[in-house]
Amino acid sequence: VCSSDLGPVRLLEGDVRAVAADLPPGSFHRVLAPRPKGATEAEDDALVGEFLRCALPLLGPGGCCHWYDFVADWEFPECARSVARIVEACSNAGRKATILRCSAANNKPVAERQYRTVI
């Protein structure tokens, strides 16, 4: 896939720890990032931190990370729990997070009162 304005679009799939290790820092304008899921909240926090620690260095100046997560309907539109995880992980990685928006990534719930969101 190519974009005439930006050059080739690179689609990469795999464990971010392995994929990111082989790529130069600052080599991407965008990272599409589905949140890794742990068995507990503490494990979720650790996985989010590890994921972003590996993925954030790939973003160049002004780069954008599209973070996909699951939230309850009552968490919209702030998505405070997800935003807090992102901000903390970015801070720990020495990066500043600017949240542009939180919105539903689909029209239908994935489970009762649960939605996929993109932040």
Foldseek 3Di string as FASTA:
>chain_A
DADPVPGRDDDDDDQLVVVLVPDQFQQDQEAEEEQDDDPDPVVSLVSLLVNCLSPVRNHHVNHYYWYKYKDFLVCPPVVPVVVVSVQVSQVVSVHHDDDPTKDFPDDDAPDVRMTIIID
